Amino acid sequence: MTRESNTIDLDAFRGAMRLFPAAVSIIAAEKDGVRHGYTATAVSSLTAEPARILTCADKTNGNHQLIVEAQRFSVNLLAEDQAGLASRFAAKPVESRFDSGEWRVNAGGAPMLAGAVIAFDCVLERYVELETHCVFFGLIVASAVEEKSALLYSDRAYGAFRPVDSA
């Protein structure tokens, strides 16, 4: 299962990560009237004081450079009834991604999705490039919250969290 270089086999890694359930978000940015966005499951809180979040992006998909240039991005945690948006932002063409959903732009300039469970407006504090991806560290400067069930993704399927009896 492991190679001599102490790294897991690529297919084994992809298979394991496919089973790793994660919340589904759309990361969005705008600069000079140009918008980009992508579906992401690689999102995590970082610090509470001050409020920071991190997310990752593939450097080859066009979103990476726009976030760096805009110095601002939003993290929009999707509700379970927004699976169609998740699929739209995960597919091509990129030009029509923002044709669905109600998007508004905060004073800072990042597009934020109305109806998202959580929408964070973030200032890019720093980023780290590693191989094919980039990790963005964002300072959260504004948020909107709606009491809804979040969309999850696991084993190539969308779903939602359901509490179980822990007794």
Foldseek 3Di string as FASTA:
>chain_A
DADPVRDDDPVVVVVVVLADKFFKKKKWADDPRDIFIAIFRAKDWDDVVQTKIKGKDFPPPPPVVRCVVLQKMKIFGAFLVCVVLNVLRHDDDRVCSVVDFDWDADPSGYTFGPPGQKMFIWGFPDWDDDVRMIMTMTRTDDMDHDPGWTWMGHNRDIDTDDDDDPD
